[in-house]
Amino acid sequence: MTPSLLVMSDWLTSLRVTRVVMEATSDYWRPPFYLLEGSFETWLARCFTPSSIN
């Protein structure tokens, strides 16, 4: 999985992305979060029900 995450990181960098926000679901967020936090402002968001998002 790490090679794919590295490709994603390179792609985000090429698009000049500075902030990455991901949803915390189970433990699936951990590998991409830990990889990306060194290069981007990385936020971990808590899951909300769709009706609470405006």
PDB file of N, CA and C in Angstrom:
ATOM      1  N   MET A   1       0.820  -1.193   0.000  1.00  0.00           N
ATOM      2  CA  MET A   1       0.000   0.000   0.000  1.00  0.00           C
ATOM      3  C   MET A   1       0.866   1.261   0.000  1.00  0.00           C
ATOM      4  N   THR A   2       2.032   1.226   0.577  1.00  0.00           N
ATOM      5  CA  THR A   2       2.871   2.425   0.649  1.00  0.00           C
ATOM      6  C   THR A   2       3.227   3.002  -0.720  1.00  0.00           C
ATOM      7  N   PRO A   3       3.559   2.188  -1.733  1.00  0.00           N
ATOM      8  CA  PRO A   3       3.849   2.798  -3.044  1.00  0.00           C
ATOM      9  C   PRO A   3       2.675   3.631  -3.574  1.00  0.00           C
ATOM     10  N   SER A   4       1.471   3.156  -3.396  1.00  0.00           N
ATOM     11  CA  SER A   4       0.301   3.914  -3.850  1.00  0.00           C
ATOM     12  C   SER A   4       0.146   5.214  -3.070  1.00  0.00           C
ATOM     13  N   LEU A   5       0.430   5.163  -1.772  1.00  0.00           N
ATOM     14  CA  LEU A   5       0.347   6.378  -0.962  1.00  0.00           C
ATOM     15  C   LEU A   5       1.408   7.390  -1.371  1.00  0.00           C
ATOM     16  N   LEU A   6       2.587   6.919  -1.725  1.00  0.00           N
ATOM     17  CA  LEU A   6       3.641   7.815  -2.184  1.00  0.00           C
ATOM     18  C   LEU A   6       3.269   8.473  -3.515  1.00  0.00           C
ATOM     19  N   VAL A   7       2.654   7.705  -4.397  1.00  0.00           N
ATOM     20  CA  VAL A   7       2.181   8.257  -5.677  1.00  0.00           C
ATOM     21  C   VAL A   7       1.118   9.319  -5.404  1.00  0.00           C
ATOM     22  N   MET A   8       0.200   9.033  -4.466  1.00  0.00           N
ATOM     23  CA  MET A   8      -0.837  10.008  -4.115  1.00  0.00           C
ATOM     24  C   MET A   8      -0.205  11.277  -3.541  1.00  0.00           C
ATOM     25  N   SER A   9       0.791  11.127  -2.689  1.00  0.00           N
ATOM     26  CA  SER A   9       1.476  12.283  -2.108  1.00  0.00           C
ATOM     27  C   SER A   9       2.137  13.121  -3.196  1.00  0.00           C
ATOM     28  N   ASP A  10       2.795  12.485  -4.130  1.00  0.00           N
ATOM     29  CA  ASP A  10       3.422  13.204  -5.253  1.00  0.00           C
ATOM     30  C   ASP A  10       2.380  13.933  -6.089  1.00  0.00           C
ATOM     31  N   TRP A  11       1.249  13.274  -6.318  1.00  0.00           N
ATOM     32  CA  TRP A  11       0.170  13.867  -7.109  1.00  0.00           C
ATOM     33  C   TRP A  11      -0.386  15.106  -6.404  1.00  0.00           C
ATOM     34  N   LEU A  12      -0.645  14.981  -5.093  1.00  0.00           N
ATOM     35  CA  LEU A  12      -1.156  16.123  -4.336  1.00  0.00           C
ATOM     36  C   LEU A  12      -0.155  17.283  -4.346  1.00  0.00           C
ATOM     37  N   THR A  13       1.117  16.966  -4.232  1.00  0.00           N
ATOM     38  CA  THR A  13       2.161  17.990  -4.278  1.00  0.00           C
ATOM     39  C   THR A  13       2.173  18.684  -5.635  1.00  0.00           C
ATOM     40  N   SER A  14       2.019  17.914  -6.707  1.00  0.00           N
ATOM     41  CA  SER A  14       2.023  18.501  -8.055  1.00  0.00           C
ATOM     42  C   SER A  14       0.848  19.444  -8.264  1.00  0.00           C
ATOM     43  N   LEU A  15      -0.240  19.232  -7.517  1.00  0.00           N
ATOM     44  CA  LEU A  15      -1.417  20.098  -7.602  1.00  0.00           C
ATOM     45  C   LEU A  15      -1.346  21.270  -6.624  1.00  0.00           C
ATOM     46  N   ARG A  16      -0.224  21.363  -5.916  1.00  0.00           N
ATOM     47  CA  ARG A  16       0.009  22.413  -4.923  1.00  0.00           C
ATOM     48  C   ARG A  16      -0.972  22.365  -3.764  1.00  0.00           C
ATOM     49  N   VAL A  17      -1.408  21.173  -3.417  1.00  0.00           N
ATOM     50  CA  VAL A  17      -2.274  20.984  -2.245  1.00  0.00           C
ATOM     51  C   VAL A  17      -1.429  21.241  -1.002  1.00  0.00           C
ATOM     52  N   THR A  18      -1.995  21.952  -0.042  1.00  0.00           N
ATOM     53  CA  THR A  18      -1.275  22.225   1.202  1.00  0.00           C
ATOM     54  C   THR A  18      -1.954  21.602   2.415  1.00  0.00           C
ATOM     55  N   ARG A  19      -3.255  21.338   2.317  1.00  0.00           N
ATOM     56  CA  ARG A  19      -4.006  20.783   3.442  1.00  0.00           C
ATOM     57  C   ARG A  19      -4.754  19.532   2.991  1.00  0.00           C
ATOM     58  N   VAL A  20      -4.662  18.483   3.800  1.00  0.00           N
ATOM     59  CA  VAL A  20      -5.374  17.238   3.525  1.00  0.00           C
ATOM     60  C   VAL A  20      -6.270  16.954   4.719  1.00  0.00           C
ATOM     61  N   VAL A  21      -7.545  16.702   4.462  1.00  0.00           N
ATOM     62  CA  VAL A  21      -8.500  16.378   5.518  1.00  0.00           C
ATOM     63  C   VAL A  21      -9.047  14.998   5.223  1.00  0.00           C
ATOM     64  N   MET A  22      -9.015  14.142   6.225  1.00  0.00           N
ATOM     65  CA  MET A  22      -9.568  12.798   6.033  1.00  0.00           C
ATOM     66  C   MET A  22     -10.479  12.428   7.188  1.00  0.00           C
ATOM     67  N   GLU A  23     -11.407  11.556   6.896  1.00  0.00           N
ATOM     68  CA  GLU A  23     -12.378  11.105   7.883  1.00  0.00           C
ATOM     69  C   GLU A  23     -11.783   9.958   8.690  1.00  0.00           C
ATOM     70  N   ALA A  24     -11.992  10.004   9.991  1.00  0.00           N
ATOM     71  CA  ALA A  24     -11.499   8.956  10.876  1.00  0.00           C
ATOM     72  C   ALA A  24     -12.516   7.825  10.944  1.00  0.00           C
ATOM     73  N   THR A  25     -12.259   6.770  10.222  1.00  0.00           N
ATOM     74  CA  THR A  25     -13.123   5.591  10.264  1.00  0.00           C
ATOM     75  C   THR A  25     -12.267   4.394  10.631  1.00  0.00           C
ATOM     76  N   SER A  26     -12.609   3.767  11.736  1.00  0.00           N
ATOM     77  CA  SER A  26     -11.849   2.615  12.225  1.00  0.00           C
ATOM     78  C   SER A  26     -10.368   2.979  12.274  1.00  0.00           C
ATOM     79  N   ASP A  27      -9.501   2.109  11.795  1.00  0.00           N
ATOM     80  CA  ASP A  27      -8.059   2.387  11.766  1.00  0.00           C
ATOM     81  C   ASP A  27      -7.551   2.641  10.354  1.00  0.00           C
ATOM     82  N   TYR A  28      -8.460   2.751   9.390  1.00  0.00           N
ATOM     83  CA  TYR A  28      -8.064   2.886   7.993  1.00  0.00           C
ATOM     84  C   TYR A  28      -7.354   4.204   7.703  1.00  0.00           C
ATOM     85  N   TRP A  29      -7.558   5.209   8.503  1.00  0.00           N
ATOM     86  CA  TRP A  29      -6.975   6.528   8.273  1.00  0.00           C
ATOM     87  C   TRP A  29      -5.502   6.580   8.626  1.00  0.00           C
ATOM     88  N   ARG A  30      -5.030   5.680   9.453  1.00  0.00           N
ATOM     89  CA  ARG A  30      -3.678   5.780  10.012  1.00  0.00           C
ATOM     90  C   ARG A  30      -2.546   5.786   8.967  1.00  0.00           C
ATOM     91  N   PRO A  31      -2.446   4.803   8.062  1.00  0.00           N
ATOM     92  CA  PRO A  31      -1.317   4.823   7.117  1.00  0.00           C
ATOM     93  C   PRO A  31      -1.241   6.094   6.266  1.00  0.00           C
ATOM     94  N   PRO A  32      -2.349   6.515   5.624  1.00  0.00           N
ATOM     95  CA  PRO A  32      -2.214   7.742   4.826  1.00  0.00           C
ATOM     96  C   PRO A  32      -1.958   8.978   5.682  1.00  0.00           C
ATOM     97  N   PHE A  33      -2.555   9.030   6.862  1.00  0.00           N
ATOM     98  CA  PHE A  33      -2.349  10.179   7.729  1.00  0.00           C
ATOM     99  C   PHE A  33      -0.880  10.308   8.112  1.00  0.00           C
ATOM    100  N   TYR A  34      -0.293   9.226   8.577  1.00  0.00           N
ATOM    101  CA  TYR A  34       1.100   9.265   9.019  1.00  0.00           C
ATOM    102  C   TYR A  34       2.052   9.572   7.867  1.00  0.00           C
ATOM    103  N   LEU A  35       1.736   9.089   6.685  1.00  0.00           N
ATOM    104  CA  LEU A  35       2.592   9.368   5.535  1.00  0.00           C
ATOM    105  C   LEU A  35       2.481  10.831   5.090  1.00  0.00           C
ATOM    106  N   LEU A  36       1.268  11.351   5.080  1.00  0.00           N
ATOM    107  CA  LEU A  36       1.033  12.689   4.542  1.00  0.00           C
ATOM    108  C   LEU A  36       1.344  13.802   5.532  1.00  0.00           C
ATOM    109  N   GLU A  37       1.335  13.515   6.828  1.00  0.00           N
ATOM    110  CA  GLU A  37       1.503  14.595   7.797  1.00  0.00           C
ATOM    111  C   GLU A  37       2.879  15.253   7.727  1.00  0.00           C
ATOM    112  N   GLY A  38       3.850  14.585   7.147  1.00  0.00           N
ATOM    113  CA  GLY A  38       5.165  15.192   7.014  1.00  0.00           C
ATOM    114  C   GLY A  38       5.259  16.225   5.904  1.00  0.00           C
ATOM    115  N   SER A  39       4.333  16.170   4.946  1.00  0.00           N
ATOM    116  CA  SER A  39       4.401  17.055   3.778  1.00  0.00           C
ATOM    117  C   SER A  39       3.240  18.032   3.666  1.00  0.00           C
ATOM    118  N   PHE A  40       2.172  17.782   4.409  1.00  0.00           N
ATOM    119  CA  PHE A  40       0.959  18.584   4.290  1.00  0.00           C
ATOM    120  C   PHE A  40       0.428  18.941   5.672  1.00  0.00           C
ATOM    121  N   GLU A  41      -0.376  19.991   5.732  1.00  0.00           N
ATOM    122  CA  GLU A  41      -1.160  20.256   6.931  1.00  0.00           C
ATOM    123  C   GLU A  41      -2.265  19.204   6.924  1.00  0.00           C
ATOM    124  N   THR A  42      -2.226  18.286   7.850  1.00  0.00           N
ATOM    125  CA  THR A  42      -3.100  17.116   7.808  1.00  0.00           C
ATOM    126  C   THR A  42      -4.098  17.162   8.959  1.00  0.00           C
ATOM    127  N   TRP A  43      -5.377  17.124   8.619  1.00  0.00           N
ATOM    128  CA  TRP A  43      -6.445  17.165   9.610  1.00  0.00           C
ATOM    129  C   TRP A  43      -7.172  15.834   9.626  1.00  0.00           C
ATOM    130  N   LEU A  44      -7.582  15.429  10.798  1.00  0.00           N
ATOM    131  CA  LEU A  44      -8.393  14.228  10.974  1.00  0.00           C
ATOM    132  C   LEU A  44      -9.770  14.665  11.439  1.00  0.00           C
ATOM    133  N   ALA A  45     -10.783  14.371  10.650  1.00  0.00           N
ATOM    134  CA  ALA A  45     -12.147  14.812  10.945  1.00  0.00           C
ATOM    135  C   ALA A  45     -12.969  13.668  11.516  1.00  0.00           C
ATOM    136  N   ARG A  46     -13.859  14.020  12.404  1.00  0.00           N
ATOM    137  CA  ARG A  46     -14.773  13.045  12.972  1.00  0.00           C
ATOM    138  C   ARG A  46     -15.972  12.904  12.056  1.00  0.00           C
ATOM    139  N   CYS A  47     -16.494  11.717  11.951  1.00  0.00           N
ATOM    140  CA  CYS A  47     -17.632  11.437  11.070  1.00  0.00           C
ATOM    141  C   CYS A  47     -18.908  12.040  11.641  1.00  0.00           C
ATOM    142  N   PHE A  48     -19.666  12.706  10.798  1.00  0.00           N
ATOM    143  CA  PHE A  48     -20.969  13.252  11.165  1.00  0.00           C
ATOM    144  C   PHE A  48     -22.012  12.664  10.226  1.00  0.00           C
ATOM    145  N   THR A  49     -23.247  12.747  10.632  1.00  0.00           N
ATOM    146  CA  THR A  49     -24.303  12.310   9.736  1.00  0.00           C
ATOM    147  C   THR A  49     -24.445  13.341   8.616  1.00  0.00           C
ATOM    148  N   PRO A  50     -24.804  12.921   7.409  1.00  0.00           N
ATOM    149  CA  PRO A  50     -24.892  13.856   6.288  1.00  0.00           C
ATOM    150  C   PRO A  50     -25.853  15.019   6.540  1.00  0.00           C
ATOM    151  N   SER A  51     -26.878  14.821   7.334  1.00  0.00           N
ATOM    152  CA  SER A  51     -27.843  15.897   7.568  1.00  0.00           C
ATOM    153  C   SER A  51     -27.240  17.048   8.375  1.00  0.00           C
ATOM    154  N   SER A  52     -26.119  16.807   9.064  1.00  0.00           N
ATOM    155  CA  SER A  52     -25.530  17.869   9.871  1.00  0.00           C
ATOM    156  C   SER A  52     -24.518  18.699   9.086  1.00  0.00           C
ATOM    157  N   ILE A  53     -24.251  18.336   7.849  1.00  0.00           N
ATOM    158  CA  ILE A  53     -23.281  19.067   7.037  1.00  0.00           C
ATOM    159  C   ILE A  53     -24.023  20.063   6.154  1.00  0.00           C
ATOM    160  N   ASN A  54     -23.650  21.312   6.241  1.00  0.00           N
ATOM    161  CA  ASN A  54     -24.303  22.356   5.430  1.00  0.00           C
ATOM    162  C   ASN A  54     -23.443  22.740   4.265  1.00  0.00           C
TER     163      ASN A  54
END
